[in-house]
């Protein structure tokens, strides 16, 4: 399945949003007319797609690493809390 123009634009934006003035949520709303949670959902779907990896391998690998670190941190936090229960 090929990336749409909007999906490519989202990946391009994600690779360099911090270089633009303004906050990310506002930029996403202005540029893509998406709420922050919908943008995050679209991005989460994109990072698992092979065509997104082909489009920007460095970005997709970085986003996958960040996602995996977050998942591990949440799992470790849950495990630590479970260990604290009597």
C-alpha atoms as a PDB file:
ATOM      1  CA  UNK A   1       0.000   0.000   0.000  1.00  0.00           C
ATOM      2  CA  UNK A   2       1.520   3.310  -1.061  1.00  0.00           C
ATOM      3  CA  UNK A   3       1.655   6.301   1.244  1.00  0.00           C
ATOM      4  CA  UNK A   4      -0.842   9.064   0.589  1.00  0.00           C
ATOM      5  CA  UNK A   5       0.272  12.652   0.138  1.00  0.00           C
ATOM      6  CA  UNK A   6      -0.942  13.449   3.649  1.00  0.00           C
ATOM      7  CA  UNK A   7       0.926  10.484   5.147  1.00  0.00           C
ATOM      8  CA  UNK A   8       4.143  11.589   3.447  1.00  0.00           C
ATOM      9  CA  UNK A   9       3.537  15.135   4.679  1.00  0.00           C
ATOM     10  CA  UNK A  10       3.032  13.853   8.230  1.00  0.00           C
ATOM     11  CA  UNK A  11       6.308  11.933   8.103  1.00  0.00           C
ATOM     12  CA  UNK A  12       8.143  14.921   6.678  1.00  0.00           C
ATOM     13  CA  UNK A  13       6.642  17.155   9.373  1.00  0.00           C
ATOM     14  CA  UNK A  14       7.519  14.696  12.151  1.00  0.00           C
ATOM     15  CA  UNK A  15      11.130  14.667  11.013  1.00  0.00           C
ATOM     16  CA  UNK A  16      11.558  18.408  11.542  1.00  0.00           C
ATOM     17  CA  UNK A  17       8.617  19.999  13.378  1.00  0.00           C
ATOM     18  CA  UNK A  18      10.858  21.419  16.112  1.00  0.00           C
ATOM     19  CA  UNK A  19      12.572  23.705  13.609  1.00  0.00           C
ATOM     20  CA  UNK A  20       9.337  25.673  13.121  1.00  0.00           C
ATOM     21  CA  UNK A  21       8.049  28.370  15.455  1.00  0.00           C
ATOM     22  CA  UNK A  22       5.106  27.401  17.629  1.00  0.00           C
ATOM     23  CA  UNK A  23       4.022  24.372  19.569  1.00  0.00           C
ATOM     24  CA  UNK A  24       3.587  20.999  17.922  1.00  0.00           C
ATOM     25  CA  UNK A  25      -0.115  20.685  18.743  1.00  0.00           C
ATOM     26  CA  UNK A  26      -0.854  24.014  17.099  1.00  0.00           C
ATOM     27  CA  UNK A  27       1.264  23.202  14.075  1.00  0.00           C
ATOM     28  CA  UNK A  28      -0.488  19.846  13.629  1.00  0.00           C
ATOM     29  CA  UNK A  29      -3.898  21.492  13.884  1.00  0.00           C
ATOM     30  CA  UNK A  30      -2.995  24.225  11.404  1.00  0.00           C
ATOM     31  CA  UNK A  31      -1.193  22.055   8.896  1.00  0.00           C
ATOM     32  CA  UNK A  32      -3.224  18.843   8.922  1.00  0.00           C
ATOM     33  CA  UNK A  33      -6.519  19.866  10.538  1.00  0.00           C
ATOM     34  CA  UNK A  34      -6.094  16.969  12.976  1.00  0.00           C
ATOM     35  CA  UNK A  35      -6.481  16.855  16.721  1.00  0.00           C
ATOM     36  CA  UNK A  36      -3.327  15.839  18.583  1.00  0.00           C
ATOM     37  CA  UNK A  37      -4.708  12.408  19.518  1.00  0.00           C
ATOM     38  CA  UNK A  38      -5.738  11.647  15.925  1.00  0.00           C
ATOM     39  CA  UNK A  39      -2.311  12.765  14.650  1.00  0.00           C
ATOM     40  CA  UNK A  40      -0.641  10.463  17.193  1.00  0.00           C
ATOM     41  CA  UNK A  41      -2.860   7.566  16.094  1.00  0.00           C
ATOM     42  CA  UNK A  42      -2.039   8.122  12.410  1.00  0.00           C
ATOM     43  CA  UNK A  43       1.662   8.346  13.214  1.00  0.00           C
ATOM     44  CA  UNK A  44       1.502   5.179  15.327  1.00  0.00           C
ATOM     45  CA  UNK A  45      -0.032   3.314  12.402  1.00  0.00           C
ATOM     46  CA  UNK A  46       2.508   4.722   9.974  1.00  0.00           C
ATOM     47  CA  UNK A  47       5.594   3.631  11.890  1.00  0.00           C
ATOM     48  CA  UNK A  48       4.643  -0.021  11.469  1.00  0.00           C
ATOM     49  CA  UNK A  49       4.193   0.205   7.706  1.00  0.00           C
ATOM     50  CA  UNK A  50       6.964  -0.996   5.391  1.00  0.00           C
ATOM     51  CA  UNK A  51       6.242   1.781   2.886  1.00  0.00           C
ATOM     52  CA  UNK A  52       6.846   4.387   5.608  1.00  0.00           C
ATOM     53  CA  UNK A  53      10.162   2.694   6.403  1.00  0.00           C
ATOM     54  CA  UNK A  54      11.053   2.898   2.712  1.00  0.00           C
ATOM     55  CA  UNK A  55      10.084   6.591   2.625  1.00  0.00           C
ATOM     56  CA  UNK A  56      12.186   7.687   5.617  1.00  0.00           C
ATOM     57  CA  UNK A  57      14.101   4.842   7.262  1.00  0.00           C
ATOM     58  CA  UNK A  58      15.969   7.010   9.781  1.00  0.00           C
ATOM     59  CA  UNK A  59      12.802   8.657  11.069  1.00  0.00           C
ATOM     60  CA  UNK A  60      10.841   5.413  11.277  1.00  0.00           C
ATOM     61  CA  UNK A  61      13.636   3.600  13.104  1.00  0.00           C
ATOM     62  CA  UNK A  62      13.971   6.498  15.557  1.00  0.00           C
ATOM     63  CA  UNK A  63      10.213   6.564  16.195  1.00  0.00           C
ATOM     64  CA  UNK A  64      10.155   2.799  16.694  1.00  0.00           C
ATOM     65  CA  UNK A  65      13.002   3.058  19.231  1.00  0.00           C
ATOM     66  CA  UNK A  66      11.165   5.809  21.108  1.00  0.00           C
ATOM     67  CA  UNK A  67       7.959   3.760  21.127  1.00  0.00           C
ATOM     68  CA  UNK A  68       9.789   0.670  22.374  1.00  0.00           C
ATOM     69  CA  UNK A  69      11.522   2.643  25.151  1.00  0.00           C
ATOM     70  CA  UNK A  70       8.194   4.089  26.262  1.00  0.00           C
ATOM     71  CA  UNK A  71       6.586   0.657  26.313  1.00  0.00           C
ATOM     72  CA  UNK A  72       9.456  -0.779  28.349  1.00  0.00           C
ATOM     73  CA  UNK A  73       9.328   2.128  30.798  1.00  0.00           C
ATOM     74  CA  UNK A  74       5.578   1.677  31.302  1.00  0.00           C
ATOM     75  CA  UNK A  75       6.002  -2.078  31.789  1.00  0.00           C
ATOM     76  CA  UNK A  76       8.814  -1.519  34.292  1.00  0.00           C
ATOM     77  CA  UNK A  77       6.690   1.033  36.138  1.00  0.00           C
ATOM     78  CA  UNK A  78       3.733  -1.373  36.327  1.00  0.00           C
ATOM     79  CA  UNK A  79       6.029  -4.155  37.531  1.00  0.00           C
ATOM     80  CA  UNK A  80       7.501  -1.896  40.198  1.00  0.00           C
ATOM     81  CA  UNK A  81       4.047  -0.866  41.389  1.00  0.00           C
ATOM     82  CA  UNK A  82       2.895  -4.472  41.458  1.00  0.00           C
ATOM     83  CA  UNK A  83       5.914  -5.332  43.601  1.00  0.00           C
ATOM     84  CA  UNK A  84       5.014  -2.593  46.048  1.00  0.00           C
ATOM     85  CA  UNK A  85       1.563  -3.962  46.747  1.00  0.00           C
ATOM     86  CA  UNK A  86       1.238  -5.983  49.977  1.00  0.00           C
END
